[in-house]
Amino acid sequence: MKFITGIDRNQTEFFCLEQAISRDHEVRLIDLFVNTIKMSDYGFAMDFTDNGRPAYDPADLLKLFIYGYLNRTRSSRQLEKECRRNIEVMWLMKGLVPDHNTISNFRKDNPKAIRKVFSATVALAKNFELIGGKLLAGDSTKLRAQNSKKNNFNPSKIERHIAYIDDKLEQYHTLLAQEDGDSMSTDKKGLTYKIAKHHKQRNKYLGFKKALEESGEVQISTSDPDSRQLITRNNITEVAYNVQATVDSKYHLAIDFKVTNQNDSKAMGNMVRRAKAILGKRDFTMLYDKGYHTGTEFAYADKQGIEVMVAIPEVASHAPDIAFDVANFTYDKGQDVYTCPAGATLSSNGRWYLKKHGKTTNRMKHYKTASCKACAMFESCTKNKAGRLIERTEHAEVIEANKQRIELNKEIYRKRQAIVEHPFGIIKRQWDFYYIMTKKTINHASADVGLIFTAFNLRRIFNIIDKNLLKEYLKVLVLILLLQKAYFKHLSATIISYSMKAKVKTTDFLMRYNRLYLTPDKLDFNLF
């Protein structure tokens, strides 16, 4: 039987990397995309000392990371291996093989610059009209941190550990007191060692307790200090980060993200403000789930002039008869009174009362009536012996306006989950990026998440736009960047030469040069 045979391994052959990568391969798009970025403007370090071994170009390391994240590889050690064995990476890196520490440090040290790279994907999408900017949805997802539950502590957990240690120390001291003689027996030496070990552990927990008291925090994580134990689903908790994201409805592209270690209740206002700045307008609607239903956040969004639609949470407590729930009381704004289902009028004394809820303090008015006790429906209305009391928060109007928007636009609101869960589904289910790759501080976590969302947007863009069209567009951007660099180089050389001869002010010369070679509307020195 004849079989297909391979080549002779000892045969010398000529090999060209350029010919090994097809002309329409997406690795060429990654290369072009990064080449359109002026790395120094984005905040990547470009100035290095002349002493020692030269540094790797940040553009090359960025290309490596984007390729890795697009192909579900985030580990710096794995990326180092890919540089040696993956022909696509060899082409992209031009044969360079950075050490895994160099790769890892690049990601860790450039969180702000990586965010700007993500913004570049949003700008690219805007150019091809992939972002509608009319309907957006926001939500969060929990990504596990590099910190185990065992190494996360709260005050009650610390007290339990200290109580356990105190109990053990008492037992050891009792056993030690029972030992006779002055000589140190084997048992006595073992007890002395255990006592010293437990004292050391006790001092560690006391240090955690002091740190919590001084910082005002409710948790402390030892491996990843900024991570927190958060509820992920069905009362299951993980030590994690909470990643807020804003997604456009047109092609489900992410336009913004933020890594936090807090829950959702105080996140909406800030994300709405950022969306307004990114889109450069305010005539859009943002959709959120009931976890974002907070009065202060509604008020902040209203000040921004942005329309939000947030799911209405279930009523926390009902009246003995649900017909007398607060929702069935009618409020008259002009007279500032409530009318109950039985027809009685509840009024306020006009004073504002402060009510603390967690870290938030809200102002609210109290509404009640003297006719409550004589009412035949008293038992159906309230269990309070003093009569029915209604609290109206200072943000009640914006909360009620949200309720009306939800009722009038139910079909629009139903799109929320399909819009915002799309990126999370791809990232966590398809790509298996359900945890943070970096550790120690929220900034390092932001760099990892920034690369995740950069890769997600690029994957969507590569799938939606014709590759040849995208390639030609990126080539034009690269050419413009090269022309700007050449212009700046020529301009700098001319300034130095002319100023040395004529001894004129640099600003005067720039104005003359600008008039000769470029019109003022075409010369933008911020680009250089």
Protein backbone atom coordinates (compact mmCIF):
# COMPACT_ATOMS: atom_id res chain seq x y z
CA MET A 1 0.00 0.00 0.00
CA LYS A 2 1.25 3.45 -0.87
CA PHE A 3 1.02 6.27 1.67
CA ILE A 4 1.49 10.01 1.40
CA THR A 5 5.02 10.71 2.59
CA GLY A 6 6.46 13.85 4.11
CA ILE A 7 9.65 15.69 3.22
CA ASP A 8 13.12 14.60 4.21
CA ARG A 9 13.93 16.29 7.53
CA ASN A 10 17.58 16.59 6.53
CA GLN A 11 16.76 18.42 3.30
CA THR A 12 17.84 22.07 3.33
CA GLU A 13 15.11 24.40 2.09
CA PHE A 14 14.62 28.10 1.56
CA PHE A 15 11.75 29.44 3.69
CA CYS A 16 10.07 32.88 3.65
CA LEU A 17 7.73 33.94 6.47
CA GLU A 18 5.90 36.37 4.21
CA GLN A 19 4.88 33.59 1.81
CA ALA A 20 3.72 31.39 4.71
CA ILE A 21 0.92 33.81 5.70
CA SER A 22 -1.95 34.22 3.24
CA ARG A 23 -2.78 37.74 2.04
CA ASP A 24 -6.23 37.71 3.69
CA HIS A 25 -5.11 36.31 7.04
CA GLU A 26 -6.40 38.28 10.06
CA VAL A 27 -2.92 38.43 11.57
CA ARG A 28 -2.15 41.02 8.89
CA LEU A 29 -5.11 43.08 10.16
CA ILE A 30 -3.71 42.94 13.70
CA ASP A 31 -0.35 44.13 12.38
CA LEU A 32 -1.95 47.02 10.46
CA PHE A 33 -4.23 48.00 13.36
CA VAL A 34 -1.31 48.38 15.78
CA ASN A 35 0.73 50.21 13.13
CA THR A 36 -2.00 52.88 12.97
CA ILE A 37 -1.35 53.69 16.64
CA LYS A 38 1.23 56.25 17.65
CA MET A 39 2.44 54.44 20.75
CA SER A 40 3.90 57.47 22.55
CA ASP A 41 0.58 59.34 22.31
CA TYR A 42 -1.19 56.42 23.94
CA GLY A 43 1.16 56.46 26.92
CA PHE A 44 3.44 53.53 26.10
CA ALA A 45 7.03 54.11 27.22
CA MET A 46 9.16 54.83 24.13
CA ASP A 47 12.28 56.40 25.69
CA PHE A 48 14.84 53.99 27.07
CA THR A 49 18.40 54.43 28.29
CA ASP A 50 21.23 53.64 25.89
CA ASN A 51 22.98 51.45 28.42
CA GLY A 52 22.35 47.72 28.47
CA ARG A 53 20.33 45.58 26.13
CA PRO A 54 17.81 47.43 23.89
CA ALA A 55 14.16 47.13 24.90
CA TYR A 56 11.43 45.53 22.81
CA ASP A 57 9.21 47.87 20.82
CA PRO A 58 5.87 48.26 22.70
CA ALA A 59 4.08 47.90 19.35
CA ASP A 60 5.45 44.37 18.95
CA LEU A 61 4.37 43.37 22.45
CA LEU A 62 0.91 44.88 21.87
CA LYS A 63 0.55 42.87 18.65
CA LEU A 64 1.50 39.72 20.55
CA PHE A 65 -1.11 40.35 23.23
CA ILE A 66 -3.91 41.18 20.80
CA TYR A 67 -3.15 38.03 18.81
CA GLY A 68 -3.06 36.00 22.03
CA TYR A 69 -6.37 37.28 23.39
CA LEU A 70 -8.05 36.81 20.00
CA ASN A 71 -6.88 33.19 20.12
CA ARG A 72 -7.77 32.56 23.79
CA THR A 73 -4.20 32.72 25.06
CA ARG A 74 -3.47 35.13 27.91
CA SER A 75 -0.60 33.48 29.79
CA SER A 76 2.75 35.22 29.29
CA ARG A 77 4.52 31.85 29.36
CA GLN A 78 2.19 30.46 26.70
CA LEU A 79 2.71 33.55 24.55
CA GLU A 80 6.47 33.07 24.85
CA LYS A 81 6.05 29.48 23.61
CA GLU A 82 3.87 30.67 20.72
CA CYS A 83 6.70 32.96 19.60
CA ARG A 84 8.85 29.85 19.08
CA ARG A 85 6.37 27.42 17.53
CA ASN A 86 3.46 29.37 15.94
CA ILE A 87 4.26 30.49 12.42
CA GLU A 88 1.59 33.22 12.55
CA VAL A 89 3.18 34.70 15.67
CA MET A 90 6.65 34.35 14.12
CA TRP A 91 5.43 36.46 11.19
CA LEU A 92 3.74 39.00 13.47
CA MET A 93 6.78 39.32 15.78
CA LYS A 94 9.34 39.10 12.93
CA GLY A 95 11.02 36.22 14.74
CA LEU A 96 11.34 37.99 18.10
CA VAL A 97 10.96 35.86 21.24
CA PRO A 98 10.51 38.08 24.33
CA ASP A 99 10.92 36.52 27.77
CA HIS A 100 7.67 35.78 29.64
CA ASN A 101 8.60 38.35 32.31
CA THR A 102 8.96 41.04 29.64
CA ILE A 103 5.58 40.05 28.20
CA SER A 104 3.89 40.00 31.61
CA ASN A 105 5.38 43.33 32.71
CA PHE A 106 4.18 45.05 29.54
CA ARG A 107 0.57 44.20 30.36
CA LYS A 108 0.95 45.03 34.04
CA ASP A 109 2.68 48.38 33.48
CA ASN A 110 0.36 49.84 30.81
CA PRO A 111 -3.27 49.81 32.02
CA LYS A 112 -4.02 53.39 30.88
CA ALA A 113 -2.39 52.93 27.49
CA ILE A 114 -4.27 49.65 26.93
CA ARG A 115 -7.54 51.46 27.68
CA LYS A 116 -6.68 53.93 24.91
CA VAL A 117 -6.10 51.01 22.54
CA PHE A 118 -9.61 49.81 23.41
CA SER A 119 -10.86 53.33 22.63
CA ALA A 120 -9.14 53.04 19.25
CA THR A 121 -11.33 50.01 18.47
CA VAL A 122 -14.40 52.09 19.35
CA ALA A 123 -13.18 54.88 17.05
CA LEU A 124 -12.61 52.33 14.27
CA ALA A 125 -16.14 51.01 14.72
CA LYS A 126 -17.54 54.56 14.65
CA ASN A 127 -15.77 55.25 11.35
CA PHE A 128 -17.55 52.29 9.73
CA GLU A 129 -20.87 53.29 11.35
CA LEU A 130 -21.02 50.13 13.46
CA ILE A 131 -22.17 52.08 16.52
CA GLY A 132 -25.74 53.32 16.40
CA GLY A 133 -25.55 55.48 19.51
CA LYS A 134 -29.32 55.43 20.06
CA LEU A 135 -29.93 52.48 22.36
CA LEU A 136 -27.32 51.18 24.79
CA ALA A 137 -27.40 48.62 27.59
CA GLY A 138 -25.26 48.43 30.69
CA ASP A 139 -24.56 45.58 33.07
CA SER A 140 -21.76 43.96 35.03
CA THR A 141 -20.12 40.58 35.26
CA LYS A 142 -17.94 39.08 37.97
CA LEU A 143 -14.47 37.87 37.01
CA ARG A 144 -12.67 35.82 39.64
CA ALA A 145 -9.52 37.36 41.08
CA GLN A 146 -6.20 35.66 41.79
CA ASN A 147 -7.14 35.46 45.46
CA SER A 148 -8.74 32.44 47.17
CA LYS A 149 -11.62 32.66 49.64
CA LYS A 150 -9.20 31.35 52.24
CA ASN A 151 -7.10 34.51 51.85
CA ASN A 152 -10.05 36.90 52.10
CA PHE A 153 -11.07 38.17 55.53
CA ASN A 154 -13.87 40.21 57.07
CA PRO A 155 -14.23 41.25 60.75
CA SER A 156 -16.39 38.27 61.74
CA LYS A 157 -14.03 35.79 60.04
CA ILE A 158 -11.04 37.39 61.78
CA GLU A 159 -12.78 37.14 65.17
CA ARG A 160 -13.50 33.45 64.57
CA HIS A 161 -9.84 32.78 63.81
CA ILE A 162 -8.70 34.70 66.90
CA ALA A 163 -11.23 32.87 69.10
CA TYR A 164 -10.04 29.51 67.75
CA ILE A 165 -6.39 30.42 68.39
CA ASP A 166 -7.16 31.65 71.93
CA ASP A 167 -8.91 28.36 72.67
CA LYS A 168 -5.93 26.37 71.37
CA LEU A 169 -3.45 28.50 73.34
CA GLU A 170 -5.42 27.88 76.51
CA GLN A 171 -5.28 24.13 75.89
CA TYR A 172 -1.52 24.20 75.21
CA HIS A 173 -0.80 26.28 78.32
CA THR A 174 -2.86 23.81 80.42
CA LEU A 175 -0.88 20.87 79.03
CA LEU A 176 2.39 22.76 79.53
CA ALA A 177 1.55 23.43 83.18
CA GLN A 178 1.03 19.70 83.71
CA GLU A 179 4.58 18.88 82.63
CA ASP A 180 6.87 18.06 85.61
CA GLY A 181 10.57 18.79 85.96
CA ASP A 182 12.83 21.51 84.65
CA SER A 183 14.20 19.61 81.65
CA MET A 184 12.59 20.20 78.29
CA SER A 185 10.92 16.93 77.27
CA THR A 186 9.98 16.18 73.67
CA ASP A 187 6.30 16.91 74.41
CA LYS A 188 7.22 20.16 76.12
CA LYS A 189 9.33 21.30 73.17
CA GLY A 190 6.46 20.48 70.79
CA LEU A 191 3.98 22.47 72.89
CA THR A 192 6.37 25.44 73.08
CA TYR A 193 6.73 25.41 69.28
CA LYS A 194 2.94 25.25 68.77
CA ILE A 195 2.37 28.13 71.19
CA ALA A 196 4.89 30.32 69.37
CA LYS A 197 3.32 29.42 66.01
CA HIS A 198 -0.20 30.28 67.21
CA HIS A 199 0.96 33.59 68.71
CA LYS A 200 2.45 34.47 65.32
CA GLN A 201 -0.85 33.64 63.60
CA ARG A 202 -2.80 35.60 66.20
CA ASN A 203 -0.63 38.69 65.61
CA LYS A 204 -1.27 38.33 61.87
CA TYR A 205 -5.04 38.39 62.34
CA LEU A 206 -4.78 41.30 64.77
CA GLY A 207 -2.88 43.14 62.03
CA PHE A 208 -5.73 42.43 59.58
CA LYS A 209 -8.25 43.69 62.13
CA LYS A 210 -6.29 46.91 62.65
CA ALA A 211 -5.95 47.45 58.90
CA LEU A 212 -9.73 47.13 58.44
CA GLU A 213 -10.43 49.55 61.29
CA GLU A 214 -8.00 52.15 59.91
CA SER A 215 -9.16 51.88 56.28
CA GLY A 216 -12.90 51.65 56.97
CA GLU A 217 -13.12 48.70 54.54
CA VAL A 218 -15.24 45.65 55.28
CA GLN A 219 -12.90 43.10 53.67
CA ILE A 220 -9.21 42.49 53.21
CA SER A 221 -7.60 40.22 50.59
CA THR A 222 -3.99 39.17 51.05
CA SER A 223 -3.04 37.95 47.55
CA ASP A 224 -4.90 40.56 45.50
CA PRO A 225 -5.55 43.52 47.84
CA ASP A 226 -8.22 45.25 45.72
CA SER A 227 -10.36 42.16 45.12
CA ARG A 228 -13.51 41.58 47.17
CA GLN A 229 -15.81 38.68 47.96
CA LEU A 230 -18.89 39.33 45.81
CA ILE A 231 -22.10 37.45 45.12
CA THR A 232 -21.87 35.91 41.65
CA ARG A 233 -25.18 34.04 41.35
CA ASN A 234 -27.75 32.32 43.57
CA ASN A 235 -26.00 33.55 46.74
CA ILE A 236 -22.74 31.90 45.63
CA THR A 237 -19.79 34.15 46.42
CA GLU A 238 -16.35 34.44 44.86
CA VAL A 239 -13.38 36.71 45.51
CA ALA A 240 -13.67 38.70 42.31
CA TYR A 241 -13.79 42.00 40.46
CA ASN A 242 -17.02 43.49 39.15
CA VAL A 243 -16.62 44.62 35.52
CA GLN A 244 -19.11 47.26 34.36
CA ALA A 245 -19.68 47.45 30.61
CA THR A 246 -21.70 49.59 28.19
CA VAL A 247 -22.76 47.93 24.92
CA ASP A 248 -24.29 49.50 21.81
CA SER A 249 -27.37 47.80 20.39
CA LYS A 250 -26.53 48.00 16.67
CA TYR A 251 -23.77 45.37 16.50
CA HIS A 252 -23.36 44.64 20.23
CA LEU A 253 -19.95 46.34 20.37
CA ALA A 254 -18.64 47.43 23.76
CA ILE A 255 -18.04 51.18 23.95
CA ASP A 256 -16.89 51.35 27.57
CA PHE A 257 -15.82 49.23 30.53
CA LYS A 258 -14.73 49.82 34.10
CA VAL A 259 -13.25 47.39 36.62
CA THR A 260 -14.60 47.86 40.16
CA ASN A 261 -14.78 45.93 43.42
CA GLN A 262 -18.24 47.25 44.37
CA ASN A 263 -21.76 46.07 43.63
CA ASP A 264 -24.01 47.65 40.97
CA SER A 265 -26.12 49.97 43.11
CA LYS A 266 -23.88 53.06 42.70
CA ALA A 267 -22.46 52.36 39.23
CA MET A 268 -25.08 53.63 36.78
CA GLY A 269 -24.55 57.39 37.01
CA ASN A 270 -20.84 57.25 36.29
CA MET A 271 -21.27 54.86 33.34
CA VAL A 272 -24.02 57.10 31.89
CA ARG A 273 -21.73 60.14 32.13
CA ARG A 274 -18.89 58.25 30.41
CA ALA A 275 -21.20 57.05 27.62
CA LYS A 276 -22.26 60.64 27.02
CA ALA A 277 -18.61 61.70 26.71
CA ILE A 278 -17.73 58.81 24.37
CA LEU A 279 -20.68 59.36 22.01
CA GLY A 280 -20.47 63.15 22.24
CA LYS A 281 -24.25 63.53 22.56
CA ARG A 282 -27.11 62.94 24.98
CA ASP A 283 -30.00 61.81 22.77
CA PHE A 284 -29.77 58.10 23.57
CA THR A 285 -31.37 55.63 25.99
CA MET A 286 -29.56 53.29 28.38
CA LEU A 287 -31.06 50.07 29.74
CA TYR A 288 -30.16 48.50 33.11
CA ASP A 289 -31.45 45.70 35.31
CA LYS A 290 -32.99 46.14 38.77
CA GLY A 291 -29.62 45.98 40.54
CA TYR A 292 -29.03 49.59 39.40
CA HIS A 293 -32.34 50.90 40.79
CA THR A 294 -30.97 53.63 43.10
CA GLY A 295 -32.48 57.10 43.62
CA THR A 296 -29.20 59.01 43.64
CA GLU A 297 -28.16 57.36 40.36
CA PHE A 298 -31.48 58.29 38.72
CA ALA A 299 -30.95 61.88 39.83
CA TYR A 300 -27.40 61.94 38.44
CA ALA A 301 -28.50 60.51 35.08
CA ASP A 302 -31.31 63.08 34.94
CA LYS A 303 -28.80 65.91 35.48
CA GLN A 304 -26.78 64.54 32.57
CA GLY A 305 -29.89 64.75 30.39
CA ILE A 306 -29.76 61.03 29.59
CA GLU A 307 -32.85 58.84 29.48
CA VAL A 308 -32.41 55.60 31.41
CA MET A 309 -34.71 52.61 31.80
CA VAL A 310 -34.07 50.45 34.87
CA ALA A 311 -36.10 47.37 35.82
CA ILE A 312 -38.32 47.92 38.84
CA PRO A 313 -37.39 45.65 41.78
CA GLU A 314 -39.94 43.67 43.74
CA VAL A 315 -41.67 45.41 46.65
CA ALA A 316 -39.57 44.86 49.78
CA SER A 317 -42.59 44.53 52.09
CA HIS A 318 -46.34 44.43 51.53
CA ALA A 319 -49.23 45.78 53.54
CA PRO A 320 -51.42 43.15 55.27
CA ASP A 321 -53.71 43.56 52.25
CA ILE A 322 -51.75 44.22 49.02
CA ALA A 323 -54.52 46.59 47.93
CA PHE A 324 -52.99 49.02 50.46
CA ASP A 325 -49.41 48.82 49.16
CA VAL A 326 -47.67 52.18 48.64
CA ALA A 327 -48.02 51.75 44.86
CA ASN A 328 -51.81 52.08 45.29
CA PHE A 329 -51.56 55.44 47.10
CA THR A 330 -52.00 58.48 44.84
CA TYR A 331 -49.57 61.40 45.18
CA ASP A 332 -50.63 65.00 44.47
CA LYS A 333 -47.52 67.03 43.68
CA GLY A 334 -49.30 70.40 43.82
CA GLN A 335 -50.59 69.92 47.38
CA ASP A 336 -47.78 67.55 48.43
CA VAL A 337 -50.18 64.96 49.86
CA TYR A 338 -50.99 61.24 49.41
CA THR A 339 -54.49 59.82 49.12
CA CYS A 340 -54.93 56.26 50.36
CA PRO A 341 -57.27 53.66 48.75
CA ALA A 342 -59.79 54.36 51.55
CA GLY A 343 -59.91 58.06 50.60
CA ALA A 344 -57.95 59.51 53.53
CA THR A 345 -55.34 62.23 52.92
CA LEU A 346 -51.80 61.79 54.29
CA SER A 347 -49.81 65.01 54.63
CA SER A 348 -46.27 65.96 55.59
CA ASN A 349 -44.97 68.52 58.08
CA GLY A 350 -42.59 69.72 55.37
CA ARG A 351 -39.44 68.61 57.17
CA TRP A 352 -36.75 66.46 55.55
CA TYR A 353 -35.48 63.46 57.50
CA LEU A 354 -32.18 61.68 56.91
CA LYS A 355 -32.20 57.92 56.37
CA LYS A 356 -28.98 55.98 56.07
CA HIS A 357 -28.80 52.97 53.75
CA GLY A 358 -25.33 51.45 53.73
CA LYS A 359 -22.90 54.23 52.84
CA THR A 360 -25.67 56.38 51.33
CA THR A 361 -27.75 58.91 53.26
CA ASN A 362 -31.01 60.00 51.61
CA ARG A 363 -33.42 62.81 52.48
CA MET A 364 -37.08 61.96 52.75
CA LYS A 365 -40.40 63.28 53.99
CA HIS A 366 -42.91 61.47 56.21
CA TYR A 367 -46.62 61.42 55.35
CA LYS A 368 -49.34 60.40 57.83
CA THR A 369 -52.90 61.19 58.89
CA ALA A 370 -54.76 61.43 62.21
CA SER A 371 -57.77 59.60 60.75
CA CYS A 372 -55.88 56.32 60.54
CA LYS A 373 -56.94 54.86 63.91
CA ALA A 374 -60.62 55.47 63.24
CA CYS A 375 -60.43 53.90 59.77
CA ALA A 376 -62.34 50.63 59.27
CA MET A 377 -59.51 49.38 57.00
CA PHE A 378 -56.78 49.94 59.63
CA GLU A 379 -55.96 46.23 60.03
CA SER A 380 -55.73 45.74 56.26
CA CYS A 381 -53.48 48.77 55.81
CA THR A 382 -50.75 48.59 58.47
CA LYS A 383 -49.39 46.76 61.50
CA ASN A 384 -48.02 50.01 62.96
CA LYS A 385 -50.08 50.87 66.06
CA ALA A 386 -49.49 54.60 65.49
CA GLY A 387 -51.03 54.44 62.01
CA ARG A 388 -49.80 54.33 58.42
CA LEU A 389 -46.53 56.15 57.63
CA ILE A 390 -45.29 56.71 54.08
CA GLU A 391 -41.72 57.78 53.31
CA ARG A 392 -41.13 59.74 50.13
CA THR A 393 -37.50 60.10 49.07
CA GLU A 394 -36.17 63.29 47.48
CA HIS A 395 -35.58 61.27 44.29
CA ALA A 396 -39.17 60.00 44.06
CA GLU A 397 -39.96 62.00 40.90
CA VAL A 398 -37.13 60.57 38.81
CA ILE A 399 -37.91 57.07 40.12
CA GLU A 400 -41.57 57.43 39.10
CA ALA A 401 -40.52 58.82 35.69
CA ASN A 402 -38.42 55.68 35.15
CA LYS A 403 -41.44 53.52 36.03
CA GLN A 404 -43.55 55.32 33.42
CA ARG A 405 -40.84 54.87 30.76
CA ILE A 406 -40.67 51.14 31.49
CA GLU A 407 -44.46 50.76 31.23
CA LEU A 408 -44.59 52.70 27.93
CA ASN A 409 -41.57 50.98 26.32
CA LYS A 410 -41.71 47.34 27.41
CA GLU A 411 -40.71 46.05 23.99
CA ILE A 412 -37.59 48.23 23.94
CA TYR A 413 -36.61 47.20 27.46
CA ARG A 414 -36.88 43.50 26.57
CA LYS A 415 -33.84 43.97 24.30
CA ARG A 416 -31.57 44.74 27.28
CA GLN A 417 -30.40 41.23 28.01
CA ALA A 418 -29.79 40.31 24.36
CA ILE A 419 -27.65 43.45 23.91
CA VAL A 420 -25.45 43.47 26.99
CA GLU A 421 -25.12 39.73 27.64
CA HIS A 422 -23.65 39.14 24.16
CA PRO A 423 -20.09 40.25 25.05
CA PHE A 424 -20.19 38.48 28.42
CA GLY A 425 -21.34 35.25 26.78
CA ILE A 426 -18.50 35.34 24.24
CA ILE A 427 -15.85 36.33 26.79
CA LYS A 428 -16.80 33.92 29.58
CA ARG A 429 -18.39 30.97 27.78
CA GLN A 430 -16.67 30.81 24.40
CA TRP A 431 -13.26 32.19 25.34
CA ASP A 432 -13.25 30.86 28.93
CA PHE A 433 -12.06 34.22 30.28
CA TYR A 434 -14.03 33.92 33.53
CA TYR A 435 -11.16 35.05 35.75
CA ILE A 436 -8.65 37.89 35.93
CA MET A 437 -5.20 36.88 34.68
CA THR A 438 -3.22 39.50 36.58
CA LYS A 439 -2.96 39.99 40.33
CA LYS A 440 -2.23 42.75 42.85
CA THR A 441 -4.26 45.96 42.40
CA ILE A 442 -7.27 46.93 40.36
CA ASN A 443 -5.07 48.72 37.79
CA HIS A 444 -3.43 45.45 36.78
CA ALA A 445 -6.88 43.87 36.51
CA SER A 446 -7.96 46.79 34.28
CA ALA A 447 -5.12 46.04 31.87
CA ASP A 448 -6.28 42.43 31.51
CA VAL A 449 -9.93 43.43 31.04
CA GLY A 450 -8.89 46.17 28.58
CA LEU A 451 -7.18 43.59 26.38
CA ILE A 452 -10.22 41.30 26.65
CA PHE A 453 -12.61 43.99 25.40
CA THR A 454 -10.12 45.15 22.76
CA ALA A 455 -10.00 41.60 21.41
CA PHE A 456 -13.80 41.29 21.56
CA ASN A 457 -14.36 44.50 19.58
CA LEU A 458 -11.72 43.56 17.01
CA ARG A 459 -13.26 40.11 16.59
CA ARG A 460 -16.65 41.71 15.93
CA ILE A 461 -15.15 44.26 13.52
CA PHE A 462 -13.19 41.58 11.63
CA ASN A 463 -16.38 39.52 11.27
CA ILE A 464 -18.63 42.39 10.17
CA ILE A 465 -16.43 44.44 7.82
CA ASP A 466 -15.03 43.03 4.58
CA LYS A 467 -11.38 42.18 5.26
CA ASN A 468 -10.10 43.78 2.06
CA LEU A 469 -11.96 47.01 2.75
CA LEU A 470 -10.69 47.09 6.33
CA LYS A 471 -7.15 46.36 5.19
CA GLU A 472 -7.16 49.22 2.68
CA TYR A 473 -8.55 51.61 5.29
CA LEU A 474 -5.87 50.65 7.84
CA LYS A 475 -3.16 51.01 5.20
CA VAL A 476 -4.29 54.59 4.60
CA LEU A 477 -4.10 55.32 8.33
CA VAL A 478 -0.59 53.86 8.49
CA LEU A 479 0.44 56.01 5.52
CA ILE A 480 -0.96 59.15 7.18
CA LEU A 481 0.97 58.35 10.36
CA LEU A 482 4.19 57.86 8.39
CA LEU A 483 3.67 61.17 6.55
CA GLN A 484 3.12 62.95 9.86
CA LYS A 485 6.34 61.49 11.22
CA ALA A 486 8.24 62.51 8.09
CA TYR A 487 6.75 66.00 8.22
CA PHE A 488 7.64 66.40 11.89
CA LYS A 489 11.19 65.17 11.25
CA HIS A 490 11.64 67.61 8.38
CA LEU A 491 10.07 70.42 10.41
CA SER A 492 12.35 69.78 13.40
CA ALA A 493 15.48 69.75 11.23
CA THR A 494 14.43 72.96 9.48
CA ILE A 495 13.68 74.74 12.77
CA ILE A 496 17.08 73.84 14.22
CA SER A 497 18.92 74.90 11.08
CA TYR A 498 17.02 78.15 10.57
CA SER A 499 16.98 79.25 14.21
CA MET A 500 20.74 78.78 14.48
CA LYS A 501 21.28 81.01 11.43
CA ALA A 502 18.57 83.65 11.81
CA LYS A 503 18.24 83.54 15.61
CA VAL A 504 14.47 83.98 15.54
CA LYS A 505 11.88 82.72 18.00
CA THR A 506 10.66 79.19 17.37
CA THR A 507 6.99 80.26 17.48
CA ASP A 508 7.57 82.96 14.82
CA PHE A 509 9.29 80.48 12.56
CA LEU A 510 6.52 77.89 13.00
CA MET A 511 3.97 80.44 11.81
CA ARG A 512 6.06 81.26 8.72
CA TYR A 513 6.62 77.56 7.97
CA ASN A 514 2.94 76.80 8.40
CA ARG A 515 1.95 79.51 5.91
CA LEU A 516 4.43 78.22 3.36
CA TYR A 517 3.74 74.51 3.48
CA LEU A 518 0.37 73.87 5.10
CA THR A 519 -2.77 75.85 5.70
CA PRO A 520 -3.64 76.36 9.39
CA ASP A 521 -6.64 74.01 9.24
CA LYS A 522 -4.41 71.14 8.08
CA LEU A 523 -1.58 71.51 10.60
CA ASP A 524 -2.37 70.06 14.00
CA PHE A 525 0.67 69.88 16.27
CA ASN A 526 -1.28 67.74 18.75
CA LEU A 527 -0.93 64.88 16.29
CA PHE A 528 2.86 64.90 16.44
